[in-house]
Amino acid sequence: MVLFLGPLIQFYLHNYARVERITAIANILLLSLTILTRLSMSDIKANQKIIVSDLIMLLLGSLLMIYQAKFVIFFLLTRQTYFILMYIIFRSFEGKFYKFMSTNPPTTLMLSFVFVILIGTVLLMLPAASQNNNVTTFIDALFTATSATCVTGLVVLDTWTYFSTFGQLVILVLIQIGGLGIMTISTAFALMIGQRITLKLENILQNVVGGSTRLNLFQLLKSIVLVTAIIEAIGAALLYRTFAREMEPLKALYFSVFHSISAFCNAGFSFYSNGFENYMGDINLNLTITLLIILGGIGFTVIIDIQRYLFVPEKVKRLTLHSKVVLVTTASLLLLGFLAFFVVESQHTMKDLPMWQRALGAWFQSVTARTAGFNTVNIGRFGPASLLVMMGLMFIGASPGSTGGGIKTSTFVILILSVTSMLKGHRDLSIFNRKIAVSNIREATSLTTLSILIILVIVFLLLMLEPFKFDEILFESVSAFGTVGLSMGITGKLSATGRVLITLLMYIGRIGPLTLIYAFAIRRRTSSIQYAEEQLAVG
């Protein structure tokens, strides 16, 4: 209450700073008593890890007390929340809640994202989250929290000018959580506290992160966190070279870290209202951002597979089928987008630029359309042909197990193989001398069909409610569903109802395709009845 209801307490008690100090001291004393209680128990070894972590918390909390009492309360609140959640999930109702969640992964994923979005919404509504200490409206806070958690990048409030440092950090944390994936984080969390996960949940998790049977689950999770930290740190170091030329060192570091995480997580959030249009000719920023986007978009297991292929000594070196498909498809789509934007926009938006800047701009937009959401060219000035190509790239999106959205590259490949195999008269789908499972074909067609239907329904509703053109609404909807974040400039002009619809589309775009895959992955009871086969006329 002291942390979140500051203005209300200030109105009635007038001395809010004193209340903060008393609350912080009380929290520190309670934590000290907790540590002493655990030390007095006979089984100290069993509680050794908790005691050590609490001592670290106590030390850091005491140091923060020198700076500001509010940060002590917030810091210790995270610890209290941790123990409360552990009790609710694993102990309350004899553990039935945890059993239900662990046996229903699709439901778990959906509720996890909803939970994080709601927490983010509450935090962004706080006066401390805005520059002018204003309470952000629920709709705008919900839209921003959903966009960050679903790593979309569509904004109705300017990230740099409207939100305070606290609000920006909340957005950054939501981006990181959404990028890594709630299921991955929650499972890693369960493993760290010694909880045993079921074989079913392990199978589902491997579908989430695109894991192969050649990878140990716990090793996979550790690798994901390590790879993410290393790539984002390197990205921040490279971006610092650009930002340090025009900013103070601390501000340049802050900008570098924020944009590195946003780029790797394919979120598209930026401190610049016009994206990176001012840096269109900066080779370092363009190449660093696009490299981060590509690495985040190919998926964790592909990165790990490449690392094993290059650096681990093995008699027979080979990439997995998943890695081969992802790398070839990603390269093909990037090349296609680059050529399309270069040819079309060289005579349109970028006609006054030198040849090398046209090539750099076309490359950046080809990469960012794959669910990242940054831009170095004004998207609103793009020609219809470029917008069509961009919508296609946004709809396909990134790869399974990545930080991006869309129907995924593997789904697109299966659809293309279905067409080519029919034209060649082949019954089976094969790639790289491997046959594609029939279940994968059914998943791909169902996923694509449902995705198109969802987009069409939202577009239909938006056309009835909003005064914008058809191409603007369609572009906005595809961008939201693909968790891209590119816009033709109508996001901030949407009505409250329009913002809710786009919020829903961002959530479905991040959850829907994955949840469908999880649902197909779970074994269900099948009927033993088989009906007589008959063919329908097609086409």
Protein backbone atom coordinates (compact mmCIF):
# COMPACT_ATOMS: atom_id res chain seq x y z
CA MET A 1 0.00 0.00 0.00
CA VAL A 2 2.81 2.41 0.88
CA LEU A 3 4.50 1.69 -2.44
CA PHE A 4 1.50 1.85 -4.76
CA LEU A 5 -0.83 4.26 -2.97
CA GLY A 6 1.68 7.03 -2.36
CA PRO A 7 -0.50 9.97 -3.54
CA LEU A 8 -3.43 8.77 -1.41
CA ILE A 9 -1.26 8.41 1.72
CA GLN A 10 0.29 11.81 1.05
CA PHE A 11 -3.19 13.36 0.85
CA TYR A 12 -4.27 12.04 4.28
CA LEU A 13 -1.01 11.91 6.29
CA HIS A 14 0.97 14.72 4.56
CA ASN A 15 4.32 13.21 5.67
CA TYR A 16 4.75 10.44 3.12
CA ALA A 17 8.57 10.35 3.41
CA ARG A 18 8.32 9.45 7.10
CA VAL A 19 5.81 6.68 6.37
CA GLU A 20 8.21 5.34 3.72
CA ARG A 21 11.13 5.24 6.15
CA ILE A 22 9.12 3.50 8.87
CA THR A 23 7.82 0.91 6.39
CA ALA A 24 11.32 0.26 5.01
CA ILE A 25 12.81 -0.14 8.50
CA ALA A 26 9.96 -2.51 9.47
CA ASN A 27 10.66 -4.63 6.40
CA ILE A 28 14.38 -4.81 7.17
CA LEU A 29 13.67 -5.78 10.82
CA LEU A 30 11.24 -8.49 9.73
CA LEU A 31 13.80 -9.88 7.29
CA SER A 32 16.43 -9.88 10.07
CA LEU A 33 14.07 -11.81 12.36
CA THR A 34 13.38 -14.28 9.54
CA ILE A 35 17.11 -14.93 9.12
CA LEU A 36 17.58 -15.40 12.88
CA THR A 37 14.63 -17.80 12.98
CA ARG A 38 16.10 -19.94 10.19
CA LEU A 39 19.52 -19.93 11.89
CA SER A 40 17.93 -21.20 15.12
CA MET A 41 16.41 -24.22 13.33
CA SER A 42 18.11 -27.60 13.55
CA ASP A 43 18.18 -28.21 9.78
CA ILE A 44 20.32 -25.19 8.83
CA LYS A 45 21.83 -27.02 5.85
CA ALA A 46 18.39 -27.46 4.27
CA ASN A 47 17.82 -23.69 4.49
CA GLN A 48 21.37 -22.66 3.64
CA LYS A 49 20.58 -21.27 0.17
CA ILE A 50 17.58 -19.30 1.43
CA ILE A 51 19.60 -17.90 4.35
CA VAL A 52 22.40 -16.77 2.03
CA SER A 53 19.96 -15.12 -0.40
CA ASP A 54 18.18 -13.40 2.50
CA LEU A 55 21.49 -12.10 3.87
CA ILE A 56 22.27 -10.66 0.44
CA MET A 57 18.79 -9.11 0.35
CA LEU A 58 19.34 -7.64 3.84
CA LEU A 59 22.70 -6.15 2.87
CA LEU A 60 21.42 -4.62 -0.36
CA GLY A 61 18.27 -3.37 1.35
CA SER A 62 20.32 -1.66 4.05
CA LEU A 63 22.52 0.00 1.42
CA LEU A 64 19.46 1.17 -0.53
CA MET A 65 18.12 2.71 2.70
CA ILE A 66 20.88 5.30 2.42
CA TYR A 67 19.64 6.24 -1.06
CA GLN A 68 15.83 6.18 -0.82
CA ALA A 69 13.38 4.25 1.34
CA LYS A 70 10.97 3.62 -1.56
CA PHE A 71 13.54 1.44 -3.34
CA VAL A 72 14.01 -0.64 -0.16
CA ILE A 73 10.27 -1.34 -0.05
CA PHE A 74 10.16 -2.25 -3.75
CA PHE A 75 13.29 -4.41 -3.43
CA LEU A 76 12.01 -6.40 -0.45
CA LEU A 77 8.53 -6.63 -1.97
CA THR A 78 9.98 -8.82 -4.73
CA ARG A 79 11.20 -11.29 -2.09
CA GLN A 80 7.86 -11.32 -0.30
CA THR A 81 6.04 -11.81 -3.61
CA TYR A 82 8.33 -14.75 -4.40
CA PHE A 83 7.42 -16.62 -1.19
CA ILE A 84 3.73 -15.81 -1.53
CA LEU A 85 3.67 -17.15 -5.10
CA MET A 86 5.54 -20.29 -4.04
CA TYR A 87 2.95 -20.91 -1.36
CA ILE A 88 -0.03 -20.28 -3.65
CA ILE A 89 1.35 -22.37 -6.52
CA PHE A 90 2.90 -25.34 -4.74
CA ARG A 91 1.30 -25.61 -1.27
CA SER A 92 -2.18 -24.09 -1.25
CA PHE A 93 -5.12 -26.46 -1.81
CA GLU A 94 -2.69 -29.39 -1.37
CA GLY A 95 -0.84 -28.45 -4.54
CA LYS A 96 -3.92 -28.90 -6.76
CA PHE A 97 -3.36 -25.53 -8.45
CA TYR A 98 0.15 -26.52 -9.52
CA LYS A 99 -1.04 -29.93 -10.72
CA PHE A 100 -3.76 -28.33 -12.81
CA MET A 101 -1.36 -25.80 -14.34
CA SER A 102 1.37 -28.36 -15.05
CA THR A 103 -1.07 -30.69 -16.83
CA ASN A 104 -2.60 -27.88 -18.91
CA PRO A 105 0.35 -26.09 -20.57
CA PRO A 106 -1.78 -24.03 -23.03
CA THR A 107 -3.84 -22.66 -20.14
CA THR A 108 -0.67 -22.06 -18.14
CA LEU A 109 0.89 -20.07 -20.96
CA MET A 110 -2.20 -17.92 -21.51
CA LEU A 111 -2.65 -17.17 -17.80
CA SER A 112 1.08 -16.47 -17.38
CA PHE A 113 1.01 -13.81 -20.08
CA VAL A 114 -2.22 -12.33 -18.66
CA PHE A 115 -0.66 -12.22 -15.20
CA VAL A 116 2.49 -10.45 -16.39
CA ILE A 117 0.48 -8.01 -18.53
CA LEU A 118 -1.77 -7.09 -15.59
CA ILE A 119 1.21 -6.56 -13.27
CA GLY A 120 2.81 -4.39 -15.94
CA THR A 121 -0.43 -2.45 -16.40
CA VAL A 122 -0.66 -1.65 -12.68
CA LEU A 123 2.98 -0.55 -12.55
CA LEU A 124 2.61 1.68 -15.62
CA MET A 125 -0.51 3.30 -14.14
CA LEU A 126 1.48 4.52 -11.13
CA PRO A 127 2.28 8.25 -11.05
CA ALA A 128 5.98 7.35 -10.69
CA ALA A 129 5.87 5.70 -14.14
CA SER A 130 5.18 8.98 -15.98
CA GLN A 131 7.38 12.04 -16.38
CA ASN A 132 4.76 14.40 -14.94
CA ASN A 133 3.61 12.04 -12.15
CA ASN A 134 0.26 11.57 -13.87
CA VAL A 135 -1.86 8.44 -13.51
CA THR A 136 -1.88 6.75 -16.93
CA THR A 137 -5.32 5.60 -18.07
CA PHE A 138 -6.05 1.89 -17.82
CA ILE A 139 -6.49 1.44 -21.59
CA ASP A 140 -3.17 3.13 -22.44
CA ALA A 141 -1.29 1.29 -19.69
CA LEU A 142 -2.83 -2.03 -20.77
CA PHE A 143 -1.94 -1.34 -24.41
CA THR A 144 1.68 -0.51 -23.53
CA ALA A 145 2.08 -3.47 -21.15
CA THR A 146 0.64 -5.87 -23.75
CA SER A 147 2.82 -4.42 -26.49
CA ALA A 148 5.93 -4.84 -24.31
CA THR A 149 5.12 -8.32 -22.99
CA CYS A 150 4.11 -9.56 -26.43
CA VAL A 151 7.27 -7.88 -27.83
CA THR A 152 5.25 -5.94 -30.40
CA GLY A 153 6.42 -2.33 -30.21
CA LEU A 154 3.19 -0.50 -31.09
CA VAL A 155 2.89 2.54 -28.83
CA VAL A 156 0.18 5.06 -27.99
CA LEU A 157 2.44 6.97 -25.58
CA ASP A 158 5.99 8.04 -26.42
CA THR A 159 8.40 5.85 -24.47
CA TRP A 160 11.05 8.54 -23.89
CA THR A 161 9.01 11.70 -23.39
CA TYR A 162 6.00 10.30 -21.51
CA PHE A 163 7.38 7.56 -19.28
CA SER A 164 9.83 8.19 -16.45
CA THR A 165 12.95 6.10 -15.87
CA PHE A 166 10.89 3.81 -13.63
CA GLY A 167 8.24 3.39 -16.35
CA GLN A 168 10.91 2.72 -18.98
CA LEU A 169 12.52 0.06 -16.77
CA VAL A 170 9.12 -1.60 -16.28
CA ILE A 171 8.72 -1.71 -20.08
CA LEU A 172 12.24 -3.12 -20.43
CA VAL A 173 11.56 -5.91 -17.91
CA LEU A 174 8.29 -6.77 -19.66
CA ILE A 175 10.16 -6.94 -22.98
CA GLN A 176 12.77 -9.29 -21.53
CA ILE A 177 10.14 -11.54 -19.96
CA GLY A 178 8.09 -11.62 -23.14
CA GLY A 179 11.17 -12.24 -25.26
CA LEU A 180 12.41 -15.20 -23.28
CA GLY A 181 8.91 -16.59 -23.00
CA ILE A 182 6.80 -17.01 -19.89
CA MET A 183 6.82 -20.81 -20.15
CA THR A 184 10.62 -20.94 -20.35
CA ILE A 185 11.08 -18.58 -17.42
CA SER A 186 8.47 -20.27 -15.23
CA THR A 187 9.95 -23.71 -15.88
CA ALA A 188 13.46 -22.47 -15.16
CA PHE A 189 12.03 -20.88 -12.00
CA ALA A 190 10.51 -24.22 -10.96
CA LEU A 191 13.78 -26.03 -11.61
CA MET A 192 15.80 -23.52 -9.59
CA ILE A 193 13.64 -24.01 -6.49
CA GLY A 194 13.91 -27.77 -6.79
CA GLN A 195 10.48 -28.54 -8.20
CA ARG A 196 10.21 -31.57 -10.42
CA ILE A 197 8.56 -31.07 -13.81
CA THR A 198 6.53 -33.70 -15.58
CA LEU A 199 7.53 -35.42 -18.82
CA LYS A 200 4.51 -33.82 -20.48
CA LEU A 201 5.61 -30.33 -19.46
CA GLU A 202 9.16 -31.11 -20.58
CA ASN A 203 7.83 -32.14 -23.99
CA ILE A 204 5.77 -28.96 -24.21
CA LEU A 205 8.72 -26.80 -23.20
CA GLN A 206 10.82 -28.31 -25.97
CA ASN A 207 8.06 -27.29 -28.40
CA VAL A 208 8.10 -23.78 -26.94
CA VAL A 209 11.83 -23.22 -27.42
CA GLY A 210 12.16 -25.37 -30.52
CA GLY A 211 14.37 -27.81 -28.67
CA SER A 212 15.58 -31.09 -30.08
CA THR A 213 15.90 -34.39 -28.28
CA ARG A 214 19.68 -34.00 -28.44
CA LEU A 215 19.58 -31.25 -25.82
CA ASN A 216 19.23 -31.73 -22.08
CA LEU A 217 16.33 -29.66 -20.76
CA PHE A 218 18.12 -28.03 -17.86
CA GLN A 219 21.19 -27.41 -19.99
CA LEU A 220 18.91 -25.86 -22.61
CA LEU A 221 17.43 -23.42 -20.12
CA LYS A 222 20.86 -22.41 -18.80
CA SER A 223 22.08 -21.95 -22.35
CA ILE A 224 19.08 -19.73 -23.20
CA VAL A 225 19.79 -17.35 -20.30
CA LEU A 226 23.54 -17.33 -20.98
CA VAL A 227 23.15 -16.79 -24.73
CA THR A 228 20.65 -13.98 -24.16
CA ALA A 229 22.90 -12.18 -21.68
CA ILE A 230 26.01 -12.48 -23.88
CA ILE A 231 24.31 -11.33 -27.09
CA GLU A 232 22.54 -8.40 -25.44
CA ALA A 233 25.77 -7.31 -23.71
CA ILE A 234 27.74 -7.41 -26.98
CA GLY A 235 24.92 -5.56 -28.75
CA ALA A 236 24.90 -2.85 -26.07
CA ALA A 237 28.69 -2.46 -26.34
CA LEU A 238 28.45 -1.98 -30.12
CA LEU A 239 25.53 0.48 -29.89
CA TYR A 240 27.42 2.47 -27.25
CA ARG A 241 29.89 3.51 -29.97
CA THR A 242 27.06 5.30 -31.78
CA PHE A 243 25.23 6.84 -28.83
CA ALA A 244 28.42 7.95 -27.03
CA ARG A 245 29.18 10.38 -29.87
CA GLU A 246 26.21 12.58 -28.96
CA MET A 247 25.33 11.77 -25.32
CA GLU A 248 26.87 11.68 -21.88
CA PRO A 249 28.44 8.28 -21.04
CA LEU A 250 25.73 7.18 -18.56
CA LYS A 251 22.88 8.17 -20.85
CA ALA A 252 24.59 6.54 -23.82
CA LEU A 253 24.96 3.31 -21.82
CA TYR A 254 21.27 3.42 -20.86
CA PHE A 255 20.22 3.93 -24.48
CA SER A 256 22.54 1.13 -25.62
CA VAL A 257 21.23 -1.43 -23.13
CA PHE A 258 17.57 -0.56 -23.75
CA HIS A 259 17.81 -0.74 -27.54
CA SER A 260 19.98 -3.87 -27.46
CA ILE A 261 17.40 -5.77 -25.37
CA SER A 262 14.55 -4.35 -27.45
CA ALA A 263 16.26 -5.42 -30.70
CA PHE A 264 17.25 -8.93 -29.59
CA CYS A 265 13.76 -9.54 -28.18
CA ASN A 266 12.33 -8.25 -31.48
CA ALA A 267 10.26 -5.76 -29.49
CA GLY A 268 10.74 -2.58 -31.53
CA PHE A 269 10.46 -0.18 -28.57
CA SER A 270 12.62 2.89 -29.09
CA PHE A 271 13.38 6.14 -27.30
CA TYR A 272 12.97 7.96 -30.63
CA SER A 273 9.48 8.90 -31.81
CA ASN A 274 10.49 8.49 -35.47
CA GLY A 275 12.39 5.24 -34.94
CA PHE A 276 15.97 5.32 -36.22
CA GLU A 277 15.28 7.65 -39.15
CA ASN A 278 18.00 10.01 -37.85
CA TYR A 279 20.51 7.14 -37.98
CA MET A 280 19.73 5.91 -41.48
CA GLY A 281 23.33 6.48 -42.59
CA ASP A 282 24.94 5.09 -39.43
CA ILE A 283 26.46 1.77 -40.52
CA ASN A 284 27.34 0.65 -36.97
CA LEU A 285 23.79 1.10 -35.63
CA ASN A 286 22.13 -0.39 -38.72
CA LEU A 287 24.28 -3.52 -38.77
CA THR A 288 24.19 -4.02 -34.99
CA ILE A 289 20.40 -3.67 -34.71
CA THR A 290 19.78 -5.97 -37.70
CA LEU A 291 22.21 -8.58 -36.37
CA LEU A 292 20.45 -8.56 -32.98
CA ILE A 293 17.07 -8.90 -34.69
CA ILE A 294 18.24 -11.84 -36.80
CA LEU A 295 19.80 -13.64 -33.82
CA GLY A 296 16.64 -13.13 -31.77
CA GLY A 297 14.48 -14.22 -34.70
CA ILE A 298 16.18 -17.54 -35.58
CA GLY A 299 15.61 -19.04 -32.14
CA PHE A 300 17.72 -20.11 -29.20
CA THR A 301 18.25 -23.72 -30.21
CA VAL A 302 19.49 -22.70 -33.66
CA ILE A 303 22.07 -20.40 -32.06
CA ILE A 304 23.13 -23.19 -29.70
CA ASP A 305 23.23 -25.67 -32.59
CA ILE A 306 25.45 -23.33 -34.63
CA GLN A 307 27.74 -22.85 -31.65
CA ARG A 308 28.03 -26.61 -31.19
CA TYR A 309 28.63 -27.08 -34.91
CA LEU A 310 31.43 -24.50 -35.03
CA PHE A 311 33.22 -24.99 -31.72
CA VAL A 312 32.48 -28.48 -30.33
CA PRO A 313 34.80 -31.16 -31.75
CA GLU A 314 32.76 -34.02 -33.24
CA LYS A 315 33.58 -36.73 -35.77
CA VAL A 316 30.51 -35.96 -37.87
CA LYS A 317 29.43 -32.33 -37.85
CA ARG A 318 25.88 -31.62 -38.92
CA LEU A 319 23.15 -29.17 -38.17
CA THR A 320 19.70 -30.37 -37.17
CA LEU A 321 16.91 -30.33 -39.75
CA HIS A 322 15.23 -27.55 -37.76
CA SER A 323 18.36 -25.37 -37.94
CA LYS A 324 18.82 -25.96 -41.68
CA VAL A 325 15.22 -25.05 -42.46
CA VAL A 326 15.33 -21.93 -40.27
CA LEU A 327 18.64 -20.64 -41.66
CA VAL A 328 17.77 -21.22 -45.33
CA THR A 329 14.26 -19.78 -45.00
CA THR A 330 15.44 -16.76 -43.02
CA ALA A 331 18.16 -15.97 -45.56
CA SER A 332 15.73 -16.37 -48.47
CA LEU A 333 13.10 -14.09 -46.94
CA LEU A 334 15.67 -11.45 -46.02
CA LEU A 335 17.05 -11.46 -49.56
CA LEU A 336 13.55 -11.29 -51.05
CA GLY A 337 12.59 -8.36 -48.83
CA PHE A 338 15.86 -6.54 -49.53
CA LEU A 339 15.47 -6.81 -53.32
CA ALA A 340 11.79 -5.77 -53.20
CA PHE A 341 12.38 -2.70 -51.01
CA PHE A 342 15.52 -1.69 -52.90
CA VAL A 343 13.85 -1.87 -56.33
CA VAL A 344 10.54 -0.25 -55.34
CA GLU A 345 11.66 2.41 -52.85
CA SER A 346 14.71 3.47 -54.90
CA GLN A 347 12.18 5.16 -57.17
CA HIS A 348 9.96 6.34 -54.33
CA THR A 349 10.90 7.05 -50.68
CA MET A 350 14.69 6.69 -51.05
CA LYS A 351 15.14 8.16 -54.54
CA ASP A 352 17.14 11.18 -53.28
CA LEU A 353 19.61 9.06 -51.27
CA PRO A 354 23.00 7.74 -52.47
CA MET A 355 23.15 4.11 -53.60
CA TRP A 356 24.79 2.78 -50.43
CA GLN A 357 22.15 4.38 -48.19
CA ARG A 358 19.38 2.89 -50.35
CA ALA A 359 20.94 -0.54 -49.92
CA LEU A 360 21.35 0.00 -46.15
CA GLY A 361 17.76 1.23 -45.80
CA ALA A 362 16.34 -1.66 -47.84
CA TRP A 363 18.35 -4.16 -45.78
CA PHE A 364 17.22 -2.64 -42.46
CA GLN A 365 13.54 -2.67 -43.43
CA SER A 366 13.76 -6.23 -44.75
CA VAL A 367 15.16 -7.42 -41.41
CA THR A 368 12.92 -5.33 -39.16
CA ALA A 369 9.75 -6.48 -40.94
CA ARG A 370 10.45 -9.95 -39.54
CA THR A 371 8.71 -8.95 -36.24
CA ALA A 372 11.18 -6.32 -34.94
CA GLY A 373 9.32 -3.04 -35.53
CA PHE A 374 12.17 -0.54 -35.90
CA ASN A 375 12.45 1.68 -38.95
CA THR A 376 14.97 3.97 -40.63
CA VAL A 377 12.48 5.08 -43.31
CA ASN A 378 9.02 6.59 -42.80
CA ILE A 379 6.70 3.61 -43.31
CA GLY A 380 3.76 5.91 -44.02
CA ARG A 381 5.48 7.04 -47.24
CA PHE A 382 6.06 3.51 -48.57
CA GLY A 383 4.47 2.55 -51.87
CA PRO A 384 1.63 -0.03 -52.03
CA ALA A 385 3.97 -2.72 -53.44
CA SER A 386 6.42 -2.32 -50.54
CA LEU A 387 3.58 -2.39 -48.01
CA LEU A 388 2.29 -5.64 -49.52
CA VAL A 389 5.74 -7.26 -49.26
CA MET A 390 6.13 -5.96 -45.72
CA MET A 391 2.75 -7.38 -44.64
CA GLY A 392 3.76 -10.74 -46.08
CA LEU A 393 7.03 -10.71 -44.13
CA MET A 394 5.23 -9.62 -40.94
CA PHE A 395 2.67 -12.39 -41.29
CA ILE A 396 5.36 -15.07 -41.73
CA GLY A 397 7.39 -13.65 -38.86
CA ALA A 398 10.33 -15.26 -37.10
CA SER A 399 11.22 -18.89 -36.30
CA PRO A 400 9.97 -21.32 -33.61
CA GLY A 401 11.60 -20.87 -30.23
CA SER A 402 12.58 -17.29 -31.04
CA THR A 403 11.64 -13.93 -29.55
CA GLY A 404 9.55 -13.04 -32.61
CA GLY A 405 5.95 -13.70 -33.64
CA GLY A 406 4.08 -14.53 -36.83
CA ILE A 407 3.07 -17.96 -38.12
CA LYS A 408 6.80 -18.85 -38.11
CA THR A 409 9.22 -19.74 -40.90
CA SER A 410 8.78 -23.49 -40.47
CA THR A 411 5.03 -23.15 -41.04
CA PHE A 412 5.68 -21.12 -44.19
CA VAL A 413 8.14 -23.74 -45.48
CA ILE A 414 5.62 -26.55 -44.98
CA LEU A 415 2.98 -24.58 -46.90
CA ILE A 416 5.43 -23.96 -49.79
CA LEU A 417 6.45 -27.63 -49.80
CA SER A 418 2.76 -28.63 -49.97
CA VAL A 419 2.33 -26.56 -53.13
CA THR A 420 5.56 -27.70 -54.79
CA SER A 421 4.96 -31.37 -54.00
CA MET A 422 1.47 -31.17 -55.52
CA LEU A 423 2.85 -29.53 -58.66
CA LYS A 424 5.51 -32.25 -58.93
CA GLY A 425 2.98 -35.01 -58.30
CA HIS A 426 4.64 -36.19 -55.05
CA ARG A 427 2.54 -37.61 -52.23
CA ASP A 428 5.00 -36.86 -49.42
CA LEU A 429 6.68 -33.64 -48.36
CA SER A 430 10.45 -33.84 -48.01
CA ILE A 431 13.31 -31.42 -47.43
CA PHE A 432 17.03 -32.06 -46.97
CA ASN A 433 16.39 -35.78 -47.54
CA ARG A 434 13.91 -35.93 -44.67
CA LYS A 435 10.17 -36.61 -44.84
CA ILE A 436 7.84 -34.13 -43.12
CA ALA A 437 5.35 -35.70 -40.70
CA VAL A 438 1.67 -35.54 -41.65
CA SER A 439 0.89 -34.02 -38.23
CA ASN A 440 3.18 -31.08 -39.07
CA ILE A 441 1.25 -30.47 -42.31
CA ARG A 442 -2.08 -30.43 -40.46
CA GLU A 443 -0.67 -28.09 -37.80
CA ALA A 444 0.71 -25.68 -40.41
CA THR A 445 -2.51 -25.45 -42.45
CA SER A 446 -4.70 -25.14 -39.35
CA LEU A 447 -2.44 -22.51 -37.83
CA THR A 448 -2.34 -20.41 -40.99
CA THR A 449 -6.08 -20.64 -41.62
CA LEU A 450 -6.95 -19.66 -38.06
CA SER A 451 -4.44 -16.79 -38.12
CA ILE A 452 -5.97 -15.36 -41.30
CA LEU A 453 -9.50 -15.66 -39.87
CA ILE A 454 -8.50 -13.86 -36.65
CA ILE A 455 -6.93 -10.98 -38.57
CA LEU A 456 -9.94 -10.66 -40.87
CA VAL A 457 -12.38 -10.50 -37.93
CA ILE A 458 -10.38 -7.75 -36.19
CA VAL A 459 -9.96 -5.83 -39.47
CA PHE A 460 -13.72 -6.05 -40.07
CA LEU A 461 -14.46 -4.62 -36.61
CA LEU A 462 -11.86 -1.86 -36.96
CA LEU A 463 -13.25 -0.83 -40.37
CA MET A 464 -16.66 -0.34 -38.75
CA LEU A 465 -15.28 1.66 -35.80
CA GLU A 466 -12.31 3.64 -37.12
CA PRO A 467 -12.17 6.35 -39.85
CA PHE A 468 -8.88 5.16 -41.37
CA LYS A 469 -8.21 3.66 -44.80
CA PHE A 470 -8.39 -0.07 -45.46
CA ASP A 471 -4.65 -0.43 -46.12
CA GLU A 472 -3.77 1.44 -42.89
CA ILE A 473 -6.03 -0.76 -40.75
CA LEU A 474 -4.92 -3.97 -42.47
CA PHE A 475 -1.25 -3.03 -42.02
CA GLU A 476 -1.82 -2.18 -38.34
CA SER A 477 -3.66 -5.46 -37.74
CA VAL A 478 -1.04 -7.65 -39.43
CA SER A 479 1.67 -5.78 -37.55
CA ALA A 480 -0.10 -6.38 -34.23
CA PHE A 481 -0.75 -10.06 -34.93
CA GLY A 482 2.82 -10.64 -36.10
CA THR A 483 4.06 -8.76 -32.98
CA VAL A 484 6.03 -6.46 -35.28
CA GLY A 485 5.20 -2.94 -34.14
CA LEU A 486 5.46 -1.13 -37.48
CA SER A 487 2.68 1.34 -38.18
CA MET A 488 1.53 3.76 -40.85
CA GLY A 489 0.95 6.33 -38.11
CA ILE A 490 -2.55 5.51 -36.87
CA THR A 491 -1.75 3.75 -33.55
CA GLY A 492 -1.95 6.87 -31.37
CA LYS A 493 -5.12 8.03 -33.17
CA LEU A 494 -7.13 4.86 -32.48
CA SER A 495 -10.22 5.14 -30.29
CA ALA A 496 -10.40 3.37 -26.93
CA THR A 497 -12.30 0.47 -28.53
CA GLY A 498 -9.78 0.31 -31.38
CA ARG A 499 -6.91 0.16 -28.90
CA VAL A 500 -8.61 -2.70 -27.05
CA LEU A 501 -9.02 -4.63 -30.32
CA ILE A 502 -5.36 -4.12 -31.26
CA THR A 503 -4.38 -5.11 -27.70
CA LEU A 504 -6.39 -8.32 -28.08
CA LEU A 505 -4.77 -8.97 -31.45
CA MET A 506 -1.27 -8.52 -30.01
CA TYR A 507 -2.09 -10.98 -27.24
CA ILE A 508 -3.59 -13.55 -29.63
CA GLY A 509 -0.68 -13.09 -32.01
CA ARG A 510 1.79 -13.93 -29.27
CA ILE A 511 -0.29 -16.65 -27.63
CA GLY A 512 -2.54 -18.11 -30.32
CA PRO A 513 -0.11 -19.82 -32.70
CA LEU A 514 1.96 -21.23 -29.84
CA THR A 515 -1.09 -22.41 -27.93
CA LEU A 516 -2.34 -24.24 -31.02
CA ILE A 517 0.94 -26.08 -31.28
CA TYR A 518 0.80 -27.00 -27.60
CA ALA A 519 -2.75 -28.23 -27.98
CA PHE A 520 -1.74 -30.45 -30.90
CA ALA A 521 1.30 -31.66 -28.98
CA ILE A 522 -0.79 -32.96 -26.06
CA ARG A 523 -2.04 -36.48 -26.53
CA ARG A 524 -5.76 -36.76 -26.33
CA ARG A 525 -8.04 -39.74 -26.34
CA THR A 526 -8.93 -40.65 -29.87
CA SER A 527 -11.96 -42.55 -30.98
CA SER A 528 -11.44 -46.06 -32.36
CA ILE A 529 -14.24 -45.50 -34.89
CA GLN A 530 -13.05 -45.08 -38.48
CA TYR A 531 -15.40 -43.82 -41.18
CA ALA A 532 -15.42 -44.76 -44.84
CA GLU A 533 -13.11 -42.55 -46.88
CA GLU A 534 -14.50 -40.38 -49.66
CA GLN A 535 -13.01 -37.53 -51.69
CA LEU A 536 -14.36 -34.01 -52.19
CA ALA A 537 -13.91 -31.95 -55.33
CA VAL A 538 -11.29 -29.28 -54.69
CA GLY A 539 -10.62 -26.22 -56.85
